[in-house]
Protein backbone atom coordinates (compact mmCIF):
# COMPACT_ATOMS: atom_id res chain seq x y z
CA UNK A 1 94.45 90.26 89.94
CA UNK A 2 95.65 86.70 90.72
CA UNK A 3 95.65 84.82 93.88
CA UNK A 4 99.67 85.18 94.79
CA UNK A 5 98.90 89.03 94.28
CA UNK A 6 96.23 88.64 96.68
CA UNK A 7 98.04 86.69 99.14
CA UNK A 8 100.76 89.27 99.21
CA UNK A 9 98.67 92.08 99.72
CA UNK A 10 97.06 90.04 102.57
CA UNK A 11 100.68 89.08 104.24
CA UNK A 12 101.67 93.23 103.84
CA UNK A 13 98.20 94.44 105.70
CA UNK A 14 99.15 91.50 107.97
CA UNK A 15 102.33 92.83 109.05
CA UNK A 16 101.00 96.16 109.35
CA UNK A 17 101.19 96.26 113.09
CA UNK A 18 104.53 94.65 113.99
CA UNK A 19 106.13 97.07 110.76
CA UNK A 20 104.62 100.33 112.52
CA UNK A 21 105.64 99.19 116.38
CA UNK A 22 109.04 98.71 114.85
CA UNK A 23 108.93 102.21 113.24
CA UNK A 24 107.97 104.05 116.37
CA UNK A 25 110.15 101.73 118.52
CA UNK A 26 112.24 104.06 121.13
CA UNK A 27 110.94 106.93 119.98
CA UNK A 28 110.23 109.53 123.08
CA UNK A 29 107.31 111.91 123.60
CA UNK A 30 108.87 114.64 121.69
CA UNK A 31 110.06 112.48 118.74
CA UNK A 32 106.37 111.07 118.73
CA UNK A 33 105.23 114.97 118.60
CA UNK A 34 107.08 116.04 115.18
CA UNK A 35 105.44 116.49 112.28
CA UNK A 36 106.25 113.79 109.61
CA UNK A 37 106.33 116.48 107.37
CA UNK A 38 106.19 120.52 107.19
CA UNK A 39 102.42 121.20 108.14
CA UNK A 40 101.30 117.34 108.55
CA UNK A 41 100.11 115.29 111.50
CA UNK A 42 102.95 114.52 114.25
CA UNK A 43 104.16 110.84 114.46
CA UNK A 44 101.67 110.38 117.36
CA UNK A 45 98.93 111.56 115.25
CA UNK A 46 99.78 109.61 112.31
CA UNK A 47 99.79 106.51 114.53
CA UNK A 48 96.07 107.05 115.66
CA UNK A 49 94.93 107.99 112.21
CA UNK A 50 95.80 104.52 110.65
CA UNK A 51 94.29 102.87 113.39
CA UNK A 52 90.86 105.56 112.89
CA UNK A 53 91.49 104.64 108.79
CA UNK A 54 91.50 100.72 109.25
CA UNK A 55 89.05 100.27 111.76
CA UNK A 56 86.58 102.05 109.37
CA UNK A 57 87.85 100.08 106.81
CA UNK A 58 87.34 96.42 108.63
CA UNK A 59 83.53 97.95 109.36
CA UNK A 60 83.25 98.97 105.50
CA UNK A 61 84.69 95.26 104.50
CA UNK A 62 82.10 93.71 106.61
CA UNK A 63 79.26 95.71 105.24
CA UNK A 64 80.08 94.94 101.55
CA UNK A 65 80.22 91.02 102.46
CA UNK A 66 76.41 91.51 104.27
CA UNK A 67 75.01 94.39 101.85
CA UNK A 68 74.67 95.00 98.95
CA UNK A 69 76.72 98.09 97.53
CA UNK A 70 75.94 100.22 100.56
CA UNK A 71 76.79 103.30 101.07
CA UNK A 72 79.17 104.22 103.47
CA UNK A 73 79.92 107.66 105.24
CA UNK A 74 83.08 109.15 105.13
CA UNK A 75 84.74 111.04 107.83
CA UNK A 76 86.75 113.95 108.15
CA UNK A 77 90.23 112.70 109.11
CA UNK A 78 92.14 116.04 109.27
CA UNK A 79 89.34 116.69 112.08
CA UNK A 80 89.73 113.39 113.99
CA UNK A 81 93.46 113.96 114.23
CA UNK A 82 92.78 116.88 116.30
CA UNK A 83 90.30 115.12 118.73
CA UNK A 84 91.74 114.36 121.99
CA UNK A 85 91.96 110.69 121.89
CA UNK A 86 95.09 111.74 119.30
CA UNK A 87 96.91 112.93 122.13
CA UNK A 88 97.02 109.39 123.73
CA UNK A 89 100.28 107.14 123.78
CA UNK A 90 100.59 105.33 120.83
CA UNK A 91 100.76 102.10 122.22
CA UNK A 92 96.44 102.51 122.93
CA UNK A 93 96.36 102.54 118.81
CA UNK A 94 99.22 99.70 118.28
CA UNK A 95 97.29 97.51 120.56
CA UNK A 96 94.15 97.98 118.77
CA UNK A 97 95.81 97.47 115.49
CA UNK A 98 97.48 93.99 116.17
CA UNK A 99 93.59 92.21 116.70
CA UNK A 100 92.16 94.31 113.97
CA UNK A 101 94.26 93.18 111.45
CA UNK A 102 94.59 89.80 112.55
CA UNK A 103 90.87 89.50 112.33
CA UNK A 104 90.92 91.36 108.68
CA UNK A 105 93.68 89.78 107.32
CA UNK A 106 91.31 86.36 108.32
CA UNK A 107 88.51 87.93 106.78
CA UNK A 108 90.15 88.31 103.77
CA UNK A 109 91.70 84.99 103.34
CA UNK A 110 87.96 83.34 103.73
CA UNK A 111 86.94 85.42 100.58
CA UNK A 112 85.74 83.28 97.47
CA UNK A 113 86.67 84.69 94.27
CA UNK A 114 83.23 86.27 93.83
CA UNK A 115 83.68 88.13 97.39
CA UNK A 116 86.54 89.90 95.96
CA UNK A 117 83.66 91.80 93.24
CA UNK A 118 81.72 92.59 96.05
CA UNK A 119 82.01 95.95 97.59
CA UNK A 120 80.76 99.36 98.97
CA UNK A 121 79.50 102.82 97.35
CA UNK A 122 81.83 105.43 98.80
CA UNK A 123 80.08 109.04 98.01
CA UNK A 124 82.79 110.99 96.77
CA UNK A 125 85.04 107.95 95.00
CA UNK A 126 82.13 105.78 93.83
CA UNK A 127 82.31 102.12 93.81
CA UNK A 128 85.13 100.52 95.23
CA UNK A 129 85.57 96.84 95.74
CA UNK A 130 86.86 94.84 98.27
CA UNK A 131 90.14 93.82 95.72
CA UNK A 132 90.57 97.66 95.34
CA UNK A 133 89.95 98.16 99.05
CA UNK A 134 92.51 95.61 100.02
CA UNK A 135 95.03 97.15 97.83
CA UNK A 136 94.53 100.41 99.41
CA UNK A 137 95.38 99.70 102.63
CA UNK A 138 97.88 97.68 101.53
CA UNK A 139 99.21 100.93 99.67
CA UNK A 140 98.08 102.87 103.16
CA UNK A 141 100.22 100.72 105.42
CA UNK A 142 103.21 101.14 103.74
CA UNK A 143 102.76 104.78 103.00
CA UNK A 144 102.49 105.62 106.46
CA UNK A 145 104.65 103.59 108.00
CA UNK A 146 107.37 104.98 105.65
CA UNK A 147 106.35 108.58 106.52
CA UNK A 148 107.55 107.38 109.91
CA UNK A 149 111.14 105.65 109.00
CA UNK A 150 111.66 108.48 106.33
CA UNK A 151 111.45 111.19 109.17
CA UNK A 152 113.46 108.82 111.53
CA UNK A 153 116.38 108.85 108.45
CA UNK A 154 116.20 112.60 108.22
CA UNK A 155 116.16 113.35 112.15
CA UNK A 156 119.14 110.45 112.72
CA UNK A 157 117.03 108.60 114.85
């Protein structure tokens, strides 16, 4: 992976808060409580899931930079999405994501070439380098924003 790809991934990760805010802009409570696919999370739960996921990933990034291949603890995303805080207004998570992604992108921009090969040990997925994690969360960001924008298109919102 070259520096240009890394810069693109970081830029896309940095853009997630604005892209997500745009994706949910103007949606009312009924629309936010609509599942993005049959049997899936609601748009509201999805926004909160992204905040949960990216907070965990940010901490994992810092652990990988300060420890030697730390073992990280996974969490049950489906159960987290059912917890009471997932009923809060989406602005709560949108307001978390803005400074979080600002810090995360700044941290990634500060890495040396050797730092990208550092990582963490996931009990189910094995070793994940920071370069792999960056690519994963770039995808994760775009993937979930697309869930919302595609739902809006299909519903004519």
